[in-house]
Each structure stands twice: as C-alpha cells, then as structure tokens.
Amino acid sequence: ARLEGYYASIGDRRREMLRAELWDGDKKVAED
C-alpha cells in the first residue's frame, strides 16, 4: 500500500496514528 500525500491530512500529530494489519485468510499474521 502507498497512501500518496496522506501526511498532509494529519490534523494533530499528537492525537492521531495509523495501524496496519496483514491477514492471511482469517488469520492476522502481522501488524504495525
């Protein structure tokens, strides 16, 4: 995934974050 230019939409860097999850079928294998 690449969210182009998305950092400009962050309104408050001290109160917002992003979570990524990887799924293999119905099993979550990784996150960050």
Full PDB file with SEQRES, HELIX, SHEET, SSBOND, CRYST1, ORIGX, SCALE, CONECT and MASTER records, all heavy atoms in Angstrom:
SEQRES   1 A   32  ALA ARG LEU GLU GLY TYR TYR ALA SER ILE GLY ASP ARG          
SEQRES   2 A   32  ARG ARG GLU MET LEU ARG ALA GLU LEU TRP ASP GLY ASP          
SEQRES   3 A   32  LYS LYS VAL ALA GLU ASP                                      
HELIX    1 AA1 TYR A    6  SER A    9  5                                   4    
SHEET    1 AA1 2 GLU A  21  ASP A  24  0                                        
SHEET    2 AA1 2 LYS A  27  GLU A  31 -1                                        
CRYST1    1.000    1.000    1.000  90.00  90.00  90.00 P 1           1          
ORIGX1      1.000000  0.000000  0.000000        0.00000                         
ORIGX2      0.000000  1.000000  0.000000        0.00000                         
ORIGX3      0.000000  0.000000  1.000000        0.00000                         
SCALE1      1.000000  0.000000  0.000000        0.00000                         
SCALE2      0.000000  1.000000  0.000000        0.00000                         
SCALE3      0.000000  0.000000  1.000000        0.00000                         
ATOM      1  N   ALA A   1       0.843  -1.197   0.000  1.00  0.00           N  
ATOM      2  CA  ALA A   1       0.000   0.000   0.000  1.00  0.00           C  
ATOM      3  C   ALA A   1       0.875   1.242   0.000  1.00  0.00           C  
ATOM      4  O   ALA A   1       1.965   1.247   0.577  1.00  0.00           O  
ATOM      5  CB  ALA A   1      -0.926   0.012   1.211  1.00  0.00           C  
ATOM      6  N   ARG A   2       0.405   2.271  -0.670  1.00  0.00           N  
ATOM      7  CA  ARG A   2       1.029   3.599  -0.616  1.00  0.00           C  
ATOM      8  C   ARG A   2      -0.093   4.628  -0.634  1.00  0.00           C  
ATOM      9  O   ARG A   2      -0.840   4.727  -1.606  1.00  0.00           O  
ATOM     10  CB  ARG A   2       1.976   3.827  -1.790  1.00  0.00           C  
ATOM     11  CG  ARG A   2       2.592   5.249  -1.780  1.00  0.00           C  
ATOM     12  CD  ARG A   2       3.529   5.470  -2.953  1.00  0.00           C  
ATOM     13  NE  ARG A   2       4.787   4.789  -2.785  1.00  0.00           N  
ATOM     14  CZ  ARG A   2       5.854   5.305  -2.183  1.00  0.00           C  
ATOM     15  NH1 ARG A   2       5.803   6.528  -1.664  1.00  0.00           N  
ATOM     16  NH2 ARG A   2       6.959   4.618  -2.080  1.00  0.00           N  
ATOM     17  N   LEU A   3      -0.208   5.380   0.446  1.00  0.00           N  
ATOM     18  CA  LEU A   3      -1.201   6.444   0.540  1.00  0.00           C  
ATOM     19  C   LEU A   3      -0.503   7.746   0.147  1.00  0.00           C  
ATOM     20  O   LEU A   3       0.181   8.376   0.961  1.00  0.00           O  
ATOM     21  CB  LEU A   3      -1.773   6.530   1.952  1.00  0.00           C  
ATOM     22  CG  LEU A   3      -2.314   5.222   2.546  1.00  0.00           C  
ATOM     23  CD1 LEU A   3      -2.862   5.461   3.939  1.00  0.00           C  
ATOM     24  CD2 LEU A   3      -3.358   4.598   1.648  1.00  0.00           C  
ATOM     25  N   GLU A   4      -0.662   8.125  -1.096  1.00  0.00           N  
ATOM     26  CA  GLU A   4       0.094   9.264  -1.628  1.00  0.00           C  
ATOM     27  C   GLU A   4      -0.393  10.574  -1.020  1.00  0.00           C  
ATOM     28  O   GLU A   4      -1.589  10.885  -1.042  1.00  0.00           O  
ATOM     29  CB  GLU A   4      -0.023   9.295  -3.145  1.00  0.00           C  
ATOM     30  CG  GLU A   4       0.625   8.095  -3.830  1.00  0.00           C  
ATOM     31  CD  GLU A   4       0.633   8.226  -5.336  1.00  0.00           C  
ATOM     32  OE1 GLU A   4       0.076   9.228  -5.853  1.00  0.00           O  
ATOM     33  OE2 GLU A   4       1.186   7.330  -6.002  1.00  0.00           O  
ATOM     34  N   GLY A   5       0.563  11.345  -0.496  1.00  0.00           N  
ATOM     35  CA  GLY A   5       0.274  12.661   0.060  1.00  0.00           C  
ATOM     36  C   GLY A   5      -0.583  12.651   1.308  1.00  0.00           C  
ATOM     37  O   GLY A   5      -1.093  13.701   1.713  1.00  0.00           O  
ATOM     38  N   TYR A   6      -0.711  11.484   1.966  1.00  0.00           N  
ATOM     39  CA  TYR A   6      -1.679  11.403   3.061  1.00  0.00           C  
ATOM     40  C   TYR A   6      -1.218  12.129   4.321  1.00  0.00           C  
ATOM     41  O   TYR A   6      -2.049  12.520   5.142  1.00  0.00           O  
ATOM     42  CB  TYR A   6      -1.986   9.939   3.399  1.00  0.00           C  
ATOM     43  CG  TYR A   6      -3.215   9.803   4.267  1.00  0.00           C  
ATOM     44  CD1 TYR A   6      -4.479   9.973   3.718  1.00  0.00           C  
ATOM     45  CD2 TYR A   6      -3.113   9.555   5.629  1.00  0.00           C  
ATOM     46  CE1 TYR A   6      -5.621   9.885   4.506  1.00  0.00           C  
ATOM     47  CE2 TYR A   6      -4.239   9.463   6.432  1.00  0.00           C  
ATOM     48  CZ  TYR A   6      -5.485   9.621   5.865  1.00  0.00           C  
ATOM     49  OH  TYR A   6      -6.611   9.541   6.649  1.00  0.00           O  
ATOM     50  N   TYR A   7       0.072  12.338   4.486  1.00  0.00           N  
ATOM     51  CA  TYR A   7       0.533  13.012   5.698  1.00  0.00           C  
ATOM     52  C   TYR A   7      -0.077  14.403   5.833  1.00  0.00           C  
ATOM     53  O   TYR A   7      -0.298  14.884   6.945  1.00  0.00           O  
ATOM     54  CB  TYR A   7       2.053  13.100   5.719  1.00  0.00           C  
ATOM     55  CG  TYR A   7       2.596  13.781   6.956  1.00  0.00           C  
ATOM     56  CD1 TYR A   7       2.483  13.177   8.208  1.00  0.00           C  
ATOM     57  CD2 TYR A   7       3.194  15.041   6.891  1.00  0.00           C  
ATOM     58  CE1 TYR A   7       2.948  13.800   9.360  1.00  0.00           C  
ATOM     59  CE2 TYR A   7       3.663  15.674   8.028  1.00  0.00           C  
ATOM     60  CZ  TYR A   7       3.543  15.050   9.267  1.00  0.00           C  
ATOM     61  OH  TYR A   7       3.991  15.674  10.399  1.00  0.00           O  
ATOM     62  N   ALA A   8      -0.390  15.039   4.712  1.00  0.00           N  
ATOM     63  CA  ALA A   8      -0.972  16.382   4.761  1.00  0.00           C  
ATOM     64  C   ALA A   8      -2.348  16.389   5.417  1.00  0.00           C  
ATOM     65  O   ALA A   8      -2.822  17.449   5.847  1.00  0.00           O  
ATOM     66  CB  ALA A   8      -1.062  16.959   3.348  1.00  0.00           C  
ATOM     67  N   SER A   9      -2.997  15.232   5.497  1.00  0.00           N  
ATOM     68  CA  SER A   9      -4.331  15.170   6.097  1.00  0.00           C  
ATOM     69  C   SER A   9      -4.292  14.934   7.604  1.00  0.00           C  
ATOM     70  O   SER A   9      -5.346  14.910   8.241  1.00  0.00           O  
ATOM     71  CB  SER A   9      -5.155  14.066   5.428  1.00  0.00           C  
ATOM     72  OG  SER A   9      -4.640  12.789   5.756  1.00  0.00           O  
ATOM     73  N   ILE A  10      -3.095  14.738   8.181  1.00  0.00           N  
ATOM     74  CA  ILE A  10      -2.995  14.539   9.624  1.00  0.00           C  
ATOM     75  C   ILE A  10      -3.260  15.864  10.326  1.00  0.00           C  
ATOM     76  O   ILE A  10      -2.522  16.836  10.155  1.00  0.00           O  
ATOM     77  CB  ILE A  10      -1.605  13.988  10.016  1.00  0.00           C  
ATOM     78  CG1 ILE A  10      -1.315  12.685   9.277  1.00  0.00           C  
ATOM     79  CG2 ILE A  10      -1.518  13.797  11.526  1.00  0.00           C  
ATOM     80  CD1 ILE A  10      -2.300  11.580   9.539  1.00  0.00           C  
ATOM     81  N   GLY A  11      -4.337  15.909  11.112  1.00  0.00           N  
ATOM     82  CA  GLY A  11      -4.723  17.160  11.750  1.00  0.00           C  
ATOM     83  C   GLY A  11      -3.955  17.464  13.018  1.00  0.00           C  
ATOM     84  O   GLY A  11      -3.603  18.607  13.285  1.00  0.00           O  
ATOM     85  N   ASP A  12      -3.686  16.434  13.826  1.00  0.00           N  
ATOM     86  CA  ASP A  12      -2.986  16.619  15.098  1.00  0.00           C  
ATOM     87  C   ASP A  12      -2.059  15.420  15.278  1.00  0.00           C  
ATOM     88  O   ASP A  12      -2.501  14.330  15.625  1.00  0.00           O  
ATOM     89  CB  ASP A  12      -3.993  16.709  16.245  1.00  0.00           C  
ATOM     90  CG  ASP A  12      -3.334  17.077  17.581  1.00  0.00           C  
ATOM     91  OD1 ASP A  12      -2.095  16.969  17.681  1.00  0.00           O  
ATOM     92  OD2 ASP A  12      -4.065  17.461  18.512  1.00  0.00           O  
ATOM     93  N   ARG A  13      -0.780  15.630  15.045  1.00  0.00           N  
ATOM     94  CA  ARG A  13       0.164  14.511  15.065  1.00  0.00           C  
ATOM     95  C   ARG A  13       0.340  13.912  16.456  1.00  0.00           C  
ATOM     96  O   ARG A  13       0.854  12.805  16.591  1.00  0.00           O  
ATOM     97  CB  ARG A  13       1.517  14.945  14.504  1.00  0.00           C  
ATOM     98  CG  ARG A  13       2.248  15.976  15.334  1.00  0.00           C  
ATOM     99  CD  ARG A  13       3.511  16.457  14.650  1.00  0.00           C  
ATOM    100  NE  ARG A  13       4.284  17.350  15.504  1.00  0.00           N  
ATOM    101  CZ  ARG A  13       5.195  16.952  16.377  1.00  0.00           C  
ATOM    102  NH1 ARG A  13       5.453  15.660  16.511  1.00  0.00           N  
ATOM    103  NH2 ARG A  13       5.851  17.813  17.123  1.00  0.00           N  
ATOM    104  N   ARG A  14      -0.101  14.624  17.508  1.00  0.00           N  
ATOM    105  CA  ARG A  14      -0.010  14.086  18.867  1.00  0.00           C  
ATOM    106  C   ARG A  14      -1.249  13.298  19.274  1.00  0.00           C  
ATOM    107  O   ARG A  14      -1.282  12.720  20.358  1.00  0.00           O  
ATOM    108  CB  ARG A  14       0.224  15.214  19.878  1.00  0.00           C  
ATOM    109  CG  ARG A  14       1.611  15.852  19.779  1.00  0.00           C  
ATOM    110  CD  ARG A  14       1.787  16.905  20.863  1.00  0.00           C  
ATOM    111  NE  ARG A  14       3.137  17.410  20.904  1.00  0.00           N  
ATOM    112  CZ  ARG A  14       3.575  18.437  20.164  1.00  0.00           C  
ATOM    113  NH1 ARG A  14       2.738  19.040  19.334  1.00  0.00           N  
ATOM    114  NH2 ARG A  14       4.833  18.841  20.261  1.00  0.00           N  
ATOM    115  N   ARG A  15      -2.258  13.276  18.421  1.00  0.00           N  
ATOM    116  CA  ARG A  15      -3.501  12.583  18.767  1.00  0.00           C  
ATOM    117  C   ARG A  15      -4.007  11.676  17.642  1.00  0.00           C  
ATOM    118  O   ARG A  15      -5.142  11.210  17.693  1.00  0.00           O  
ATOM    119  CB  ARG A  15      -4.584  13.604  19.141  1.00  0.00           C  
ATOM    120  CG  ARG A  15      -4.276  14.398  20.410  1.00  0.00           C  
ATOM    121  CD  ARG A  15      -5.424  15.328  20.771  1.00  0.00           C  
ATOM    122  NE  ARG A  15      -6.682  14.613  20.909  1.00  0.00           N  
ATOM    123  CZ  ARG A  15      -7.054  13.935  21.991  1.00  0.00           C  
ATOM    124  NH1 ARG A  15      -6.244  13.874  23.042  1.00  0.00           N  
ATOM    125  NH2 ARG A  15      -8.214  13.327  22.044  1.00  0.00           N  
ATOM    126  N   GLU A  16      -3.189  11.418  16.635  1.00  0.00           N  
ATOM    127  CA  GLU A  16      -3.595  10.573  15.527  1.00  0.00           C  
ATOM    128  C   GLU A  16      -2.477   9.597  15.190  1.00  0.00           C  
ATOM    129  O   GLU A  16      -1.289   9.932  15.306  1.00  0.00           O  
ATOM    130  CB  GLU A  16      -3.938  11.414  14.293  1.00  0.00           C  
ATOM    131  CG  GLU A  16      -5.110  12.366  14.513  1.00  0.00           C  
ATOM    132  CD  GLU A  16      -5.351  13.264  13.312  1.00  0.00           C  
ATOM    133  OE1 GLU A  16      -5.158  12.804  12.167  1.00  0.00           O  
ATOM    134  OE2 GLU A  16      -5.737  14.431  13.513  1.00  0.00           O  
ATOM    135  N   MET A  17      -2.862   8.377  14.774  1.00  0.00           N  
ATOM    136  CA  MET A  17      -1.888   7.356  14.397  1.00  0.00           C  
ATOM    137  C   MET A  17      -2.515   6.444  13.351  1.00  0.00           C  
ATOM    138  O   MET A  17      -3.725   6.489  13.125  1.00  0.00           O  
ATOM    139  CB  MET A  17      -1.425   6.555  15.609  1.00  0.00           C  
ATOM    140  CG  MET A  17      -2.522   5.945  16.462  1.00  0.00           C  
ATOM    141  SD  MET A  17      -3.177   4.366  15.875  1.00  0.00           S  
ATOM    142  CE  MET A  17      -1.791   3.293  16.242  1.00  0.00           C  
ATOM    143  N   LEU A  18      -1.685   5.631  12.709  1.00  0.00           N  
ATOM    144  CA  LEU A  18      -2.152   4.667  11.729  1.00  0.00           C  
ATOM    145  C   LEU A  18      -1.787   3.266  12.187  1.00  0.00           C  
ATOM    146  O   LEU A  18      -0.698   3.048  12.729  1.00  0.00           O  
ATOM    147  CB  LEU A  18      -1.551   4.922  10.341  1.00  0.00           C  
ATOM    148  CG  LEU A  18      -2.366   5.833   9.408  1.00  0.00           C  
ATOM    149  CD1 LEU A  18      -2.342   7.267   9.926  1.00  0.00           C  
ATOM    150  CD2 LEU A  18      -1.818   5.794   7.987  1.00  0.00           C  
ATOM    151  N   ARG A  19      -2.700   2.304  11.980  1.00  0.00           N  
ATOM    152  CA  ARG A  19      -2.459   0.895  12.287  1.00  0.00           C  
ATOM    153  C   ARG A  19      -2.609   0.105  10.997  1.00  0.00           C  
ATOM    154  O   ARG A  19      -3.583   0.266  10.260  1.00  0.00           O  
ATOM    155  CB  ARG A  19      -3.448   0.403  13.330  1.00  0.00           C  
ATOM    156  CG  ARG A  19      -3.748  -1.107  13.320  1.00  0.00           C  
ATOM    157  CD  ARG A  19      -2.649  -1.929  13.907  1.00  0.00           C  
ATOM    158  NE  ARG A  19      -2.591  -1.805  15.346  1.00  0.00           N  
ATOM    159  CZ  ARG A  19      -3.343  -2.529  16.192  1.00  0.00           C  
ATOM    160  NH1 ARG A  19      -4.209  -3.401  15.740  1.00  0.00           N  
ATOM    161  NH2 ARG A  19      -3.220  -2.368  17.488  1.00  0.00           N  
ATOM    162  N   ALA A  20      -1.638  -0.757  10.720  1.00  0.00           N  
ATOM    163  CA  ALA A  20      -1.695  -1.669   9.577  1.00  0.00           C  
ATOM    164  C   ALA A  20      -1.774  -3.096  10.088  1.00  0.00           C  
ATOM    165  O   ALA A  20      -1.076  -3.461  11.035  1.00  0.00           O  
ATOM    166  CB  ALA A  20      -0.475  -1.492   8.682  1.00  0.00           C  
ATOM    167  N   GLU A  21      -2.611  -3.906   9.452  1.00  0.00           N  
ATOM    168  CA  GLU A  21      -2.732  -5.323   9.778  1.00  0.00           C  
ATOM    169  C   GLU A  21      -2.629  -6.132   8.500  1.00  0.00           C  
ATOM    170  O   GLU A  21      -3.174  -5.738   7.463  1.00  0.00           O  
ATOM    171  CB  GLU A  21      -4.061  -5.616  10.478  1.00  0.00           C  
ATOM    172  CG  GLU A  21      -4.223  -4.917  11.815  1.00  0.00           C  
ATOM    173  CD  GLU A  21      -5.587  -5.164  12.440  1.00  0.00           C  
ATOM    174  OE1 GLU A  21      -6.463  -5.702  11.719  1.00  0.00           O  
ATOM    175  OE2 GLU A  21      -5.768  -4.818  13.615  1.00  0.00           O  
ATOM    176  N   LEU A  22      -1.933  -7.266   8.585  1.00  0.00           N  
ATOM    177  CA  LEU A  22      -1.835  -8.200   7.463  1.00  0.00           C  
ATOM    178  C   LEU A  22      -2.624  -9.455   7.812  1.00  0.00           C  
ATOM    179  O   LEU A  22      -2.436 -10.030   8.898  1.00  0.00           O  
ATOM    180  CB  LEU A  22      -0.376  -8.582   7.184  1.00  0.00           C  
ATOM    181  CG  LEU A  22       0.539  -7.539   6.567  1.00  0.00           C  
ATOM    182  CD1 LEU A  22       1.896  -8.161   6.269  1.00  0.00           C  
ATOM    183  CD2 LEU A  22      -0.051  -6.952   5.301  1.00  0.00           C  
ATOM    184  N   TRP A  23      -3.463  -9.890   6.887  1.00  0.00           N  
ATOM    185  CA  TRP A  23      -4.296 -11.063   7.089  1.00  0.00           C  
ATOM    186  C   TRP A  23      -4.013 -12.087   6.008  1.00  0.00           C  
ATOM    187  O   TRP A  23      -3.922 -11.756   4.821  1.00  0.00           O  
ATOM    188  CB  TRP A  23      -5.777 -10.679   7.057  1.00  0.00           C  
ATOM    189  CG  TRP A  23      -6.191  -9.805   8.208  1.00  0.00           C  
ATOM    190  CD1 TRP A  23      -6.012  -8.459   8.310  1.00  0.00           C  
ATOM    191  CD2 TRP A  23      -6.818 -10.233   9.418  1.00  0.00           C  
ATOM    192  NE1 TRP A  23      -6.500  -8.007   9.508  1.00  0.00           N  
ATOM    193  CE2 TRP A  23      -7.005  -9.078  10.206  1.00  0.00           C  
ATOM    194  CE3 TRP A  23      -7.254 -11.462   9.897  1.00  0.00           C  
ATOM    195  CZ2 TRP A  23      -7.607  -9.128  11.462  1.00  0.00           C  
ATOM    196  CZ3 TRP A  23      -7.848 -11.518  11.146  1.00  0.00           C  
ATOM    197  CH2 TRP A  23      -8.026 -10.361  11.918  1.00  0.00           C  
ATOM    198  N   ASP A  24      -3.868 -13.332   6.442  1.00  0.00           N  
ATOM    199  CA  ASP A  24      -3.775 -14.476   5.535  1.00  0.00           C  
ATOM    200  C   ASP A  24      -5.046 -15.283   5.754  1.00  0.00           C  
ATOM    201  O   ASP A  24      -5.141 -16.053   6.708  1.00  0.00           O  
ATOM    202  CB  ASP A  24      -2.533 -15.304   5.843  1.00  0.00           C  
ATOM    203  CG  ASP A  24      -2.345 -16.460   4.868  1.00  0.00           C  
ATOM    204  OD1 ASP A  24      -3.234 -16.683   4.024  1.00  0.00           O  
ATOM    205  OD2 ASP A  24      -1.311 -17.149   4.950  1.00  0.00           O  
ATOM    206  N   GLY A  25      -6.037 -15.076   4.904  1.00  0.00           N  
ATOM    207  CA  GLY A  25      -7.351 -15.650   5.151  1.00  0.00           C  
ATOM    208  C   GLY A  25      -7.977 -14.984   6.362  1.00  0.00           C  
ATOM    209  O   GLY A  25      -8.066 -13.756   6.444  1.00  0.00           O  
ATOM    210  N   ASP A  26      -8.382 -15.781   7.359  1.00  0.00           N  
ATOM    211  CA  ASP A  26      -8.980 -15.225   8.563  1.00  0.00           C  
ATOM    212  C   ASP A  26      -7.985 -15.132   9.718  1.00  0.00           C  
ATOM    213  O   ASP A  26      -8.373 -14.927  10.868  1.00  0.00           O  
ATOM    214  CB  ASP A  26     -10.187 -16.063   8.991  1.00  0.00           C  
ATOM    215  CG  ASP A  26      -9.827 -17.521   9.275  1.00  0.00           C  
ATOM    216  OD1 ASP A  26      -8.659 -17.900   9.053  1.00  0.00           O  
ATOM    217  OD2 ASP A  26     -10.717 -18.276   9.704  1.00  0.00           O  
ATOM    218  N   LYS A  27      -6.686 -15.268   9.421  1.00  0.00           N  
ATOM    219  CA  LYS A  27      -5.656 -15.213  10.451  1.00  0.00           C  
ATOM    220  C   LYS A  27      -4.803 -13.959  10.288  1.00  0.00           C  
ATOM    221  O   LYS A  27      -4.255 -13.706   9.214  1.00  0.00           O  
ATOM    222  CB  LYS A  27      -4.761 -16.456  10.375  1.00  0.00           C  
ATOM    223  CG  LYS A  27      -3.646 -16.473  11.409  1.00  0.00           C  
ATOM    224  CD  LYS A  27      -2.750 -17.695  11.251  1.00  0.00           C  
ATOM    225  CE  LYS A  27      -1.623 -17.707  12.261  1.00  0.00           C  
ATOM    226  NZ  LYS A  27      -0.721 -18.869  12.073  1.00  0.00           N  
ATOM    227  N   LYS A  28      -4.706 -13.180  11.382  1.00  0.00           N  
ATOM    228  CA  LYS A  28      -3.831 -11.998  11.353  1.00  0.00           C  
ATOM    229  C   LYS A  28      -2.396 -12.445  11.569  1.00  0.00           C  
ATOM    230  O   LYS A  28      -2.084 -13.082  12.571  1.00  0.00           O  
ATOM    231  CB  LYS A  28      -4.251 -10.994  12.411  1.00  0.00           C  
ATOM    232  CG  LYS A  28      -3.429  -9.708  12.373  1.00  0.00           C  
ATOM    233  CD  LYS A  28      -4.042  -8.604  13.214  1.00  0.00           C  
ATOM    234  CE  LYS A  28      -3.998  -8.895  14.683  1.00  0.00           C  
ATOM    235  NZ  LYS A  28      -4.450  -7.749  15.505  1.00  0.00           N  
ATOM    236  N   VAL A  29      -1.502 -12.132  10.625  1.00  0.00           N  
ATOM    237  CA  VAL A  29      -0.125 -12.614  10.695  1.00  0.00           C  
ATOM    238  C   VAL A  29       0.867 -11.529  11.099  1.00  0.00           C  
ATOM    239  O   VAL A  29       1.989 -11.847  11.517  1.00  0.00           O  
ATOM    240  CB  VAL A  29       0.301 -13.245   9.349  1.00  0.00           C  
ATOM    241  CG1 VAL A  29      -0.536 -14.473   9.052  1.00  0.00           C  
ATOM    242  CG2 VAL A  29       0.189 -12.239   8.197  1.00  0.00           C  
ATOM    243  N   ALA A  30       0.504 -10.253  10.956  1.00  0.00           N  
ATOM    244  CA  ALA A  30       1.443  -9.180  11.306  1.00  0.00           C  
ATOM    245  C   ALA A  30       0.677  -7.887  11.480  1.00  0.00           C  
ATOM    246  O   ALA A  30      -0.440  -7.723  10.958  1.00  0.00           O  
ATOM    247  CB  ALA A  30       2.520  -9.021  10.235  1.00  0.00           C  
ATOM    248  N   GLU A  31       1.288  -6.962  12.209  1.00  0.00           N  
ATOM    249  CA  GLU A  31       0.698  -5.636  12.374  1.00  0.00           C  
ATOM    250  C   GLU A  31       1.816  -4.641  12.675  1.00  0.00           C  
ATOM    251  O   GLU A  31       2.915  -5.016  13.081  1.00  0.00           O  
ATOM    252  CB  GLU A  31      -0.343  -5.619  13.493  1.00  0.00           C  
ATOM    253  CG  GLU A  31       0.237  -5.855  14.881  1.00  0.00           C  
ATOM    254  CD  GLU A  31      -0.837  -5.921  15.962  1.00  0.00           C  
ATOM    255  OE1 GLU A  31      -1.961  -6.361  15.659  1.00  0.00           O  
ATOM    256  OE2 GLU A  31      -0.535  -5.518  17.097  1.00  0.00           O  
ATOM    257  N   ASP A  32       1.510  -3.363  12.450  1.00  0.00           N  
ATOM    258  CA  ASP A  32       2.472  -2.312  12.776  1.00  0.00           C  
ATOM    259  C   ASP A  32       1.706  -1.017  12.960  1.00  0.00           C  
ATOM    260  O   ASP A  32       0.576  -0.849  12.458  1.00  0.00           O  
ATOM    261  CB  ASP A  32       3.519  -2.164  11.675  1.00  0.00           C  
ATOM    262  CG  ASP A  32       4.701  -1.299  12.117  1.00  0.00           C  
ATOM    263  OD1 ASP A  32       4.978  -1.263  13.327  1.00  0.00           O  
ATOM    264  OD2 ASP A  32       5.333  -0.653  11.253  1.00  0.00           O  
TER     265      ASP A  32                                                      
MASTER        0    0    0    1    2    0    0    6  264    1    0    3          
END                                                                             
